[in-house]
Amino acid sequence: MKPVRMYTTEVCPFCVRAKALLRQRGVESIEEIRVDLQPQQRTRMVELTGRRTVPQIFIGETHVGGCDDLVALDRQGGLLPLLEAAA
C-alpha cells in the first residue's frame, strides 16, 4: 500500500472524516503534517498544492486534494486502486 501524507489541523472535521475513510479502506499509517503547529508547513502545502485549506492529501506522490476530493475518488472506485498500486 502506498504511503499516505496529509496536511491537517487539530480541529478540522474534514481531516477527521478523511482519516476515517482512509482507515476504512485499509490505511494503517497516515503521516500527518500539522500546519497549525508548524506554520512553515502551511507555506510548503500551498507551494505543493496551490490550496490553502486542509486537509490536503497525498497518496504516494499523487495529490488527491481535500476531503471532498477523496470521497469523490472513493465513490468513483479510484481510491483503492490508487492505494494498492505498486509504490
PDB file of N, CA and C in Angstrom:
ATOM      1  N   MET A   1       0.841  -1.181   0.000  1.00  0.00           N
ATOM      2  CA  MET A   1       0.000   0.000   0.000  1.00  0.00           C
ATOM      3  C   MET A   1       0.886   1.244   0.000  1.00  0.00           C
ATOM      4  N   LYS A   2       0.498   2.208  -0.809  1.00  0.00           N
ATOM      5  CA  LYS A   2       1.284   3.440  -0.905  1.00  0.00           C
ATOM      6  C   LYS A   2       1.189   4.236   0.391  1.00  0.00           C
ATOM      7  N   PRO A   3       2.241   4.992   0.705  1.00  0.00           N
ATOM      8  CA  PRO A   3       2.189   5.840   1.896  1.00  0.00           C
ATOM      9  C   PRO A   3       1.214   6.991   1.690  1.00  0.00           C
ATOM     10  N   VAL A   4       0.579   7.391   2.786  1.00  0.00           N
ATOM     11  CA  VAL A   4      -0.378   8.495   2.758  1.00  0.00           C
ATOM     12  C   VAL A   4       0.166   9.621   3.621  1.00  0.00           C
ATOM     13  N   ARG A   5       0.180  10.820   3.044  1.00  0.00           N
ATOM     14  CA  ARG A   5       0.617  12.028   3.759  1.00  0.00           C
ATOM     15  C   ARG A   5      -0.538  13.020   3.722  1.00  0.00           C
ATOM     16  N   MET A   6      -0.808  13.643   4.868  1.00  0.00           N
ATOM     17  CA  MET A   6      -1.944  14.541   4.947  1.00  0.00           C
ATOM     18  C   MET A   6      -1.580  15.783   5.749  1.00  0.00           C
ATOM     19  N   TYR A   7      -1.809  16.940   5.146  1.00  0.00           N
ATOM     20  CA  TYR A   7      -1.656  18.206   5.851  1.00  0.00           C
ATOM     21  C   TYR A   7      -2.953  18.448   6.604  1.00  0.00           C
ATOM     22  N   THR A   8      -2.861  18.687   7.931  1.00  0.00           N
ATOM     23  CA  THR A   8      -4.044  18.771   8.780  1.00  0.00           C
ATOM     24  C   THR A   8      -3.907  19.878   9.823  1.00  0.00           C
ATOM     25  N   THR A   9      -5.017  20.087  10.542  1.00  0.00           N
ATOM     26  CA  THR A   9      -5.018  20.848  11.787  1.00  0.00           C
ATOM     27  C   THR A   9      -5.774  20.021  12.820  1.00  0.00           C
ATOM     28  N   GLU A  10      -5.646  20.406  14.068  1.00  0.00           N
ATOM     29  CA  GLU A  10      -6.261  19.628  15.142  1.00  0.00           C
ATOM     30  C   GLU A  10      -7.786  19.672  15.098  1.00  0.00           C
ATOM     31  N   VAL A  11      -8.356  20.820  14.781  1.00  0.00           N
ATOM     32  CA  VAL A  11      -9.803  20.997  14.925  1.00  0.00           C
ATOM     33  C   VAL A  11     -10.553  20.968  13.594  1.00  0.00           C
ATOM     34  N   CYS A  12     -10.060  20.233  12.648  1.00  0.00           N
ATOM     35  CA  CYS A  12     -10.646  20.194  11.303  1.00  0.00           C
ATOM     36  C   CYS A  12     -11.542  18.954  11.161  1.00  0.00           C
ATOM     37  N   PRO A  13     -12.872  19.144  11.069  1.00  0.00           N
ATOM     38  CA  PRO A  13     -13.750  17.976  10.916  1.00  0.00           C
ATOM     39  C   PRO A  13     -13.547  17.242   9.587  1.00  0.00           C
ATOM     40  N   PHE A  14     -13.122  17.968   8.555  1.00  0.00           N
ATOM     41  CA  PHE A  14     -12.859  17.325   7.269  1.00  0.00           C
ATOM     42  C   PHE A  14     -11.626  16.424   7.341  1.00  0.00           C
ATOM     43  N   CYS A  15     -10.649  16.830   8.159  1.00  0.00           N
ATOM     44  CA  CYS A  15      -9.459  15.998   8.372  1.00  0.00           C
ATOM     45  C   CYS A  15      -9.855  14.695   9.059  1.00  0.00           C
ATOM     46  N   VAL A  16     -10.702  14.800  10.072  1.00  0.00           N
ATOM     47  CA  VAL A  16     -11.172  13.618  10.801  1.00  0.00           C
ATOM     48  C   VAL A  16     -11.916  12.682   9.852  1.00  0.00           C
ATOM     49  N   ARG A  17     -12.784  13.248   9.021  1.00  0.00           N
ATOM     50  CA  ARG A  17     -13.557  12.437   8.076  1.00  0.00           C
ATOM     51  C   ARG A  17     -12.654  11.747   7.060  1.00  0.00           C
ATOM     52  N   ALA A  18     -11.660  12.474   6.550  1.00  0.00           N
ATOM     53  CA  ALA A  18     -10.737  11.893   5.568  1.00  0.00           C
ATOM     54  C   ALA A  18      -9.928  10.755   6.189  1.00  0.00           C
ATOM     55  N   LYS A  19      -9.435  10.970   7.406  1.00  0.00           N
ATOM     56  CA  LYS A  19      -8.662   9.913   8.081  1.00  0.00           C
ATOM     57  C   LYS A  19      -9.523   8.675   8.314  1.00  0.00           C
ATOM     58  N   ALA A  20     -10.789   8.883   8.700  1.00  0.00           N
ATOM     59  CA  ALA A  20     -11.686   7.751   8.935  1.00  0.00           C
ATOM     60  C   ALA A  20     -11.912   6.954   7.649  1.00  0.00           C
ATOM     61  N   LEU A  21     -12.127   7.639   6.532  1.00  0.00           N
ATOM     62  CA  LEU A  21     -12.328   6.948   5.259  1.00  0.00           C
ATOM     63  C   LEU A  21     -11.081   6.160   4.862  1.00  0.00           C
ATOM     64  N   LEU A  22      -9.927   6.771   5.002  1.00  0.00           N
ATOM     65  CA  LEU A  22      -8.689   6.074   4.649  1.00  0.00           C
ATOM     66  C   LEU A  22      -8.500   4.833   5.514  1.00  0.00           C
ATOM     67  N   ARG A  23      -8.797   4.936   6.791  1.00  0.00           N
ATOM     68  CA  ARG A  23      -8.663   3.757   7.671  1.00  0.00           C
ATOM     69  C   ARG A  23      -9.661   2.667   7.285  1.00  0.00           C
ATOM     70  N   GLN A  24     -10.881   3.073   6.886  1.00  0.00           N
ATOM     71  CA  GLN A  24     -11.863   2.089   6.418  1.00  0.00           C
ATOM     72  C   GLN A  24     -11.367   1.355   5.187  1.00  0.00           C
ATOM     73  N   ARG A  25     -10.537   2.015   4.409  1.00  0.00           N
ATOM     74  CA  ARG A  25     -10.012   1.405   3.179  1.00  0.00           C
ATOM     75  C   ARG A  25      -8.681   0.692   3.408  1.00  0.00           C
ATOM     76  N   GLY A  26      -8.301   0.530   4.679  1.00  0.00           N
ATOM     77  CA  GLY A  26      -7.144  -0.296   4.999  1.00  0.00           C
ATOM     78  C   GLY A  26      -5.849   0.438   5.264  1.00  0.00           C
ATOM     79  N   VAL A  27      -5.878   1.760   5.254  1.00  0.00           N
ATOM     80  CA  VAL A  27      -4.653   2.522   5.534  1.00  0.00           C
ATOM     81  C   VAL A  27      -4.371   2.439   7.034  1.00  0.00           C
ATOM     82  N   GLU A  28      -3.210   1.938   7.377  1.00  0.00           N
ATOM     83  CA  GLU A  28      -2.856   1.777   8.781  1.00  0.00           C
ATOM     84  C   GLU A  28      -2.058   2.947   9.322  1.00  0.00           C
ATOM     85  N   SER A  29      -1.349   3.636   8.448  1.00  0.00           N
ATOM     86  CA  SER A  29      -0.479   4.716   8.897  1.00  0.00           C
ATOM     87  C   SER A  29      -0.651   5.931   7.987  1.00  0.00           C
ATOM     88  N   ILE A  30      -0.896   7.077   8.610  1.00  0.00           N
ATOM     89  CA  ILE A  30      -1.021   8.330   7.884  1.00  0.00           C
ATOM     90  C   ILE A  30       0.007   9.294   8.459  1.00  0.00           C
ATOM     91  N   GLU A  31       0.871   9.792   7.603  1.00  0.00           N
ATOM     92  CA  GLU A  31       1.825  10.807   8.042  1.00  0.00           C
ATOM     93  C   GLU A  31       1.078  12.136   8.081  1.00  0.00           C
ATOM     94  N   GLU A  32       0.839  12.629   9.287  1.00  0.00           N
ATOM     95  CA  GLU A  32       0.134  13.902   9.442  1.00  0.00           C
ATOM     96  C   GLU A  32       1.137  15.032   9.595  1.00  0.00           C
ATOM     97  N   ILE A  33       0.922  16.067   8.830  1.00  0.00           N
ATOM     98  CA  ILE A  33       1.734  17.272   8.933  1.00  0.00           C
ATOM     99  C   ILE A  33       0.799  18.366   9.435  1.00  0.00           C
ATOM    100  N   ARG A  34       0.990  18.754  10.691  1.00  0.00           N
ATOM    101  CA  ARG A  34       0.095  19.701  11.358  1.00  0.00           C
ATOM    102  C   ARG A  34       0.492  21.135  11.036  1.00  0.00           C
ATOM    103  N   VAL A  35      -0.278  21.768  10.174  1.00  0.00           N
ATOM    104  CA  VAL A  35       0.044  23.133   9.781  1.00  0.00           C
ATOM    105  C   VAL A  35      -0.310  24.150  10.858  1.00  0.00           C
ATOM    106  N   ASP A  36      -1.127  23.749  11.841  1.00  0.00           N
ATOM    107  CA  ASP A  36      -1.423  24.652  12.953  1.00  0.00           C
ATOM    108  C   ASP A  36      -0.263  24.711  13.943  1.00  0.00           C
ATOM    109  N   LEU A  37       0.524  23.668  14.001  1.00  0.00           N
ATOM    110  CA  LEU A  37       1.686  23.638  14.892  1.00  0.00           C
ATOM    111  C   LEU A  37       2.967  24.067  14.194  1.00  0.00           C
ATOM    112  N   GLN A  38       2.990  23.931  12.879  1.00  0.00           N
ATOM    113  CA  GLN A  38       4.184  24.247  12.091  1.00  0.00           C
ATOM    114  C   GLN A  38       3.780  25.143  10.919  1.00  0.00           C
ATOM    115  N   PRO A  39       3.675  26.473  11.170  1.00  0.00           N
ATOM    116  CA  PRO A  39       3.207  27.390  10.124  1.00  0.00           C
ATOM    117  C   PRO A  39       4.010  27.318   8.826  1.00  0.00           C
ATOM    118  N   GLN A  40       5.293  27.020   8.902  1.00  0.00           N
ATOM    119  CA  GLN A  40       6.093  26.915   7.686  1.00  0.00           C
ATOM    120  C   GLN A  40       5.616  25.764   6.812  1.00  0.00           C
ATOM    121  N   GLN A  41       4.981  24.770   7.417  1.00  0.00           N
ATOM    122  CA  GLN A  41       4.446  23.654   6.628  1.00  0.00           C
ATOM    123  C   GLN A  41       3.219  24.076   5.823  1.00  0.00           C
ATOM    124  N   ARG A  42       2.457  25.053   6.313  1.00  0.00           N
ATOM    125  CA  ARG A  42       1.328  25.566   5.527  1.00  0.00           C
ATOM    126  C   ARG A  42       1.858  26.204   4.239  1.00  0.00           C
ATOM    127  N   THR A  43       2.958  26.955   4.378  1.00  0.00           N
ATOM    128  CA  THR A  43       3.572  27.564   3.194  1.00  0.00           C
ATOM    129  C   THR A  43       3.980  26.480   2.200  1.00  0.00           C
ATOM    130  N   ARG A  44       4.586  25.422   2.688  1.00  0.00           N
ATOM    131  CA  ARG A  44       5.001  24.297   1.837  1.00  0.00           C
ATOM    132  C   ARG A  44       3.786  23.645   1.173  1.00  0.00           C
ATOM    133  N   MET A  45       2.710  23.465   1.961  1.00  0.00           N
ATOM    134  CA  MET A  45       1.486  22.866   1.431  1.00  0.00           C
ATOM    135  C   MET A  45       0.937  23.696   0.271  1.00  0.00           C
ATOM    136  N   VAL A  46       0.903  25.016   0.446  1.00  0.00           N
ATOM    137  CA  VAL A  46       0.391  25.896  -0.611  1.00  0.00           C
ATOM    138  C   VAL A  46       1.290  25.820  -1.840  1.00  0.00           C
ATOM    139  N   GLU A  47       2.605  25.753  -1.631  1.00  0.00           N
ATOM    140  CA  GLU A  47       3.532  25.618  -2.758  1.00  0.00           C
ATOM    141  C   GLU A  47       3.271  24.336  -3.538  1.00  0.00           C
ATOM    142  N   LEU A  48       3.002  23.249  -2.817  1.00  0.00           N
ATOM    143  CA  LEU A  48       2.801  21.950  -3.463  1.00  0.00           C
ATOM    144  C   LEU A  48       1.446  21.817  -4.146  1.00  0.00           C
ATOM    145  N   THR A  49       0.413  22.415  -3.542  1.00  0.00           N
ATOM    146  CA  THR A  49      -0.953  22.144  -3.987  1.00  0.00           C
ATOM    147  C   THR A  49      -1.664  23.338  -4.611  1.00  0.00           C
ATOM    148  N   GLY A  50      -1.216  24.543  -4.287  1.00  0.00           N
ATOM    149  CA  GLY A  50      -1.942  25.724  -4.723  1.00  0.00           C
ATOM    150  C   GLY A  50      -3.195  25.979  -3.903  1.00  0.00           C
ATOM    151  N   ARG A  51      -3.368  25.226  -2.842  1.00  0.00           N
ATOM    152  CA  ARG A  51      -4.554  25.333  -1.987  1.00  0.00           C
ATOM    153  C   ARG A  51      -4.151  25.719  -0.569  1.00  0.00           C
ATOM    154  N   ARG A  52      -5.064  26.435   0.118  1.00  0.00           N
ATOM    155  CA  ARG A  52      -4.790  26.905   1.474  1.00  0.00           C
ATOM    156  C   ARG A  52      -5.545  26.126   2.550  1.00  0.00           C
ATOM    157  N   THR A  53      -6.523  25.319   2.133  1.00  0.00           N
ATOM    158  CA  THR A  53      -7.371  24.623   3.097  1.00  0.00           C
ATOM    159  C   THR A  53      -6.847  23.235   3.420  1.00  0.00           C
ATOM    160  N   VAL A  54      -7.223  22.746   4.592  1.00  0.00           N
ATOM    161  CA  VAL A  54      -6.888  21.381   4.992  1.00  0.00           C
ATOM    162  C   VAL A  54      -8.162  20.560   5.037  1.00  0.00           C
ATOM    163  N   PRO A  55      -8.034  19.255   4.862  1.00  0.00           N
ATOM    164  CA  PRO A  55      -6.804  18.528   4.613  1.00  0.00           C
ATOM    165  C   PRO A  55      -6.367  18.641   3.148  1.00  0.00           C
ATOM    166  N   GLN A  56      -5.095  18.435   2.941  1.00  0.00           N
ATOM    167  CA  GLN A  56      -4.545  18.201   1.608  1.00  0.00           C
ATOM    168  C   GLN A  56      -3.887  16.831   1.685  1.00  0.00           C
ATOM    169  N   ILE A  57      -4.325  15.937   0.826  1.00  0.00           N
ATOM    170  CA  ILE A  57      -3.987  14.523   0.934  1.00  0.00           C
ATOM    171  C   ILE A  57      -3.131  14.090  -0.250  1.00  0.00           C
ATOM    172  N   PHE A  58      -2.062  13.387   0.074  1.00  0.00           N
ATOM    173  CA  PHE A  58      -1.194  12.786  -0.933  1.00  0.00           C
ATOM    174  C   PHE A  58      -1.184  11.280  -0.713  1.00  0.00           C
ATOM    175  N   ILE A  59      -1.356  10.532  -1.802  1.00  0.00           N
ATOM    176  CA  ILE A  59      -1.195   9.081  -1.774  1.00  0.00           C
ATOM    177  C   ILE A  59      -0.011   8.789  -2.667  1.00  0.00           C
ATOM    178  N   GLY A  60       1.060   8.329  -2.043  1.00  0.00           N
ATOM    179  CA  GLY A  60       2.324   8.248  -2.766  1.00  0.00           C
ATOM    180  C   GLY A  60       2.705   9.662  -3.160  1.00  0.00           C
ATOM    181  N   GLU A  61       2.997   9.879  -4.424  1.00  0.00           N
ATOM    182  CA  GLU A  61       3.335  11.218  -4.922  1.00  0.00           C
ATOM    183  C   GLU A  61       2.129  11.922  -5.541  1.00  0.00           C
ATOM    184  N   THR A  62       0.973  11.261  -5.535  1.00  0.00           N
ATOM    185  CA  THR A  62      -0.221  11.815  -6.156  1.00  0.00           C
ATOM    186  C   THR A  62      -0.982  12.708  -5.180  1.00  0.00           C
ATOM    187  N   HIS A  63      -1.221  13.953  -5.583  1.00  0.00           N
ATOM    188  CA  HIS A  63      -2.034  14.859  -4.778  1.00  0.00           C
ATOM    189  C   HIS A  63      -3.498  14.563  -5.081  1.00  0.00           C
ATOM    190  N   VAL A  64      -4.203  14.057  -4.081  1.00  0.00           N
ATOM    191  CA  VAL A  64      -5.613  13.715  -4.240  1.00  0.00           C
ATOM    192  C   VAL A  64      -6.485  14.950  -4.097  1.00  0.00           C
ATOM    193  N   GLY A  65      -6.096  15.848  -3.195  1.00  0.00           N
ATOM    194  CA  GLY A  65      -6.883  17.041  -2.923  1.00  0.00           C
ATOM    195  C   GLY A  65      -7.360  17.027  -1.486  1.00  0.00           C
ATOM    196  N   GLY A  66      -8.544  17.568  -1.267  1.00  0.00           N
ATOM    197  CA  GLY A  66      -9.118  17.643   0.064  1.00  0.00           C
ATOM    198  C   GLY A  66     -10.055  16.480   0.354  1.00  0.00           C
ATOM    199  N   CYS A  67     -10.824  16.625   1.421  1.00  0.00           N
ATOM    200  CA  CYS A  67     -11.733  15.563   1.850  1.00  0.00           C
ATOM    201  C   CYS A  67     -12.783  15.267   0.785  1.00  0.00           C
ATOM    202  N   ASP A  68     -13.402  16.300   0.238  1.00  0.00           N
ATOM    203  CA  ASP A  68     -14.427  16.083  -0.790  1.00  0.00           C
ATOM    204  C   ASP A  68     -13.847  15.370  -2.007  1.00  0.00           C
ATOM    205  N   ASP A  69     -12.627  15.715  -2.361  1.00  0.00           N
ATOM    206  CA  ASP A  69     -11.961  15.055  -3.488  1.00  0.00           C
ATOM    207  C   ASP A  69     -11.713  13.579  -3.179  1.00  0.00           C
ATOM    208  N   LEU A  70     -11.315  13.291  -1.941  1.00  0.00           N
ATOM    209  CA  LEU A  70     -11.058  11.914  -1.520  1.00  0.00           C
ATOM    210  C   LEU A  70     -12.344  11.094  -1.565  1.00  0.00           C
ATOM    211  N   VAL A  71     -13.427  11.659  -1.045  1.00  0.00           N
ATOM    212  CA  VAL A  71     -14.715  10.965  -1.051  1.00  0.00           C
ATOM    213  C   VAL A  71     -15.171  10.711  -2.487  1.00  0.00           C
ATOM    214  N   ALA A  72     -15.026  11.694  -3.349  1.00  0.00           N
ATOM    215  CA  ALA A  72     -15.422  11.533  -4.759  1.00  0.00           C
ATOM    216  C   ALA A  72     -14.592  10.439  -5.430  1.00  0.00           C
ATOM    217  N   LEU A  73     -13.296  10.428  -5.165  1.00  0.00           N
ATOM    218  CA  LEU A  73     -12.422   9.401  -5.734  1.00  0.00           C
ATOM    219  C   LEU A  73     -12.866   8.014  -5.278  1.00  0.00           C
ATOM    220  N   ASP A  74     -13.223   7.898  -4.000  1.00  0.00           N
ATOM    221  CA  ASP A  74     -13.679   6.620  -3.459  1.00  0.00           C
ATOM    222  C   ASP A  74     -14.989   6.199  -4.125  1.00  0.00           C
ATOM    223  N   ARG A  75     -15.923   7.129  -4.276  1.00  0.00           N
ATOM    224  CA  ARG A  75     -17.223   6.814  -4.882  1.00  0.00           C
ATOM    225  C   ARG A  75     -17.083   6.390  -6.340  1.00  0.00           C
ATOM    226  N   GLN A  76     -16.058   6.921  -7.015  1.00  0.00           N
ATOM    227  CA  GLN A  76     -15.819   6.562  -8.419  1.00  0.00           C
ATOM    228  C   GLN A  76     -15.043   5.255  -8.551  1.00  0.00           C
ATOM    229  N   GLY A  77     -14.650   4.690  -7.405  1.00  0.00           N
ATOM    230  CA  GLY A  77     -13.916   3.434  -7.439  1.00  0.00           C
ATOM    231  C   GLY A  77     -12.422   3.590  -7.647  1.00  0.00           C
ATOM    232  N   GLY A  78     -11.904   4.803  -7.510  1.00  0.00           N
ATOM    233  CA  GLY A  78     -10.492   5.028  -7.779  1.00  0.00           C
ATOM    234  C   GLY A  78      -9.569   5.023  -6.576  1.00  0.00           C
ATOM    235  N   LEU A  79     -10.143   5.060  -5.368  1.00  0.00           N
ATOM    236  CA  LEU A  79      -9.294   5.165  -4.183  1.00  0.00           C
ATOM    237  C   LEU A  79      -8.495   3.888  -3.923  1.00  0.00           C
ATOM    238  N   LEU A  80      -9.166   2.759  -3.885  1.00  0.00           N
ATOM    239  CA  LEU A  80      -8.453   1.503  -3.593  1.00  0.00           C
ATOM    240  C   LEU A  80      -7.376   1.195  -4.622  1.00  0.00           C
ATOM    241  N   PRO A  81      -7.665   1.318  -5.924  1.00  0.00           N
ATOM    242  CA  PRO A  81      -6.584   1.071  -6.892  1.00  0.00           C
ATOM    243  C   PRO A  81      -5.389   2.004  -6.690  1.00  0.00           C
ATOM    244  N   LEU A  82      -5.647   3.254  -6.344  1.00  0.00           N
ATOM    245  CA  LEU A  82      -4.543   4.195  -6.116  1.00  0.00           C
ATOM    246  C   LEU A  82      -3.741   3.796  -4.891  1.00  0.00           C
ATOM    247  N   LEU A  83      -4.436   3.406  -3.829  1.00  0.00           N
ATOM    248  CA  LEU A  83      -3.736   2.975  -2.604  1.00  0.00           C
ATOM    249  C   LEU A  83      -2.920   1.716  -2.845  1.00  0.00           C
ATOM    250  N   GLU A  84      -3.453   0.803  -3.649  1.00  0.00           N
ATOM    251  CA  GLU A  84      -2.831  -0.507  -3.825  1.00  0.00           C
ATOM    252  C   GLU A  84      -1.829  -0.570  -4.970  1.00  0.00           C
ATOM    253  N   ALA A  85      -1.750   0.473  -5.773  1.00  0.00           N
ATOM    254  CA  ALA A  85      -0.797   0.476  -6.890  1.00  0.00           C
ATOM    255  C   ALA A  85       0.609   0.296  -6.338  1.00  0.00           C
ATOM    256  N   ALA A  86       1.453  -0.320  -7.127  1.00  0.00           N
ATOM    257  CA  ALA A  86       2.839  -0.556  -6.690  1.00  0.00           C
ATOM    258  C   ALA A  86       3.474   0.771  -6.299  1.00  0.00           C
ATOM    259  N   ALA A  87       4.037   0.787  -5.129  1.00  0.00           N
ATOM    260  CA  ALA A  87       4.640   2.026  -4.608  1.00  0.00           C
ATOM    261  C   ALA A  87       5.916   2.346  -5.336  1.00  0.00           C
TER     262      ALA A  87
END
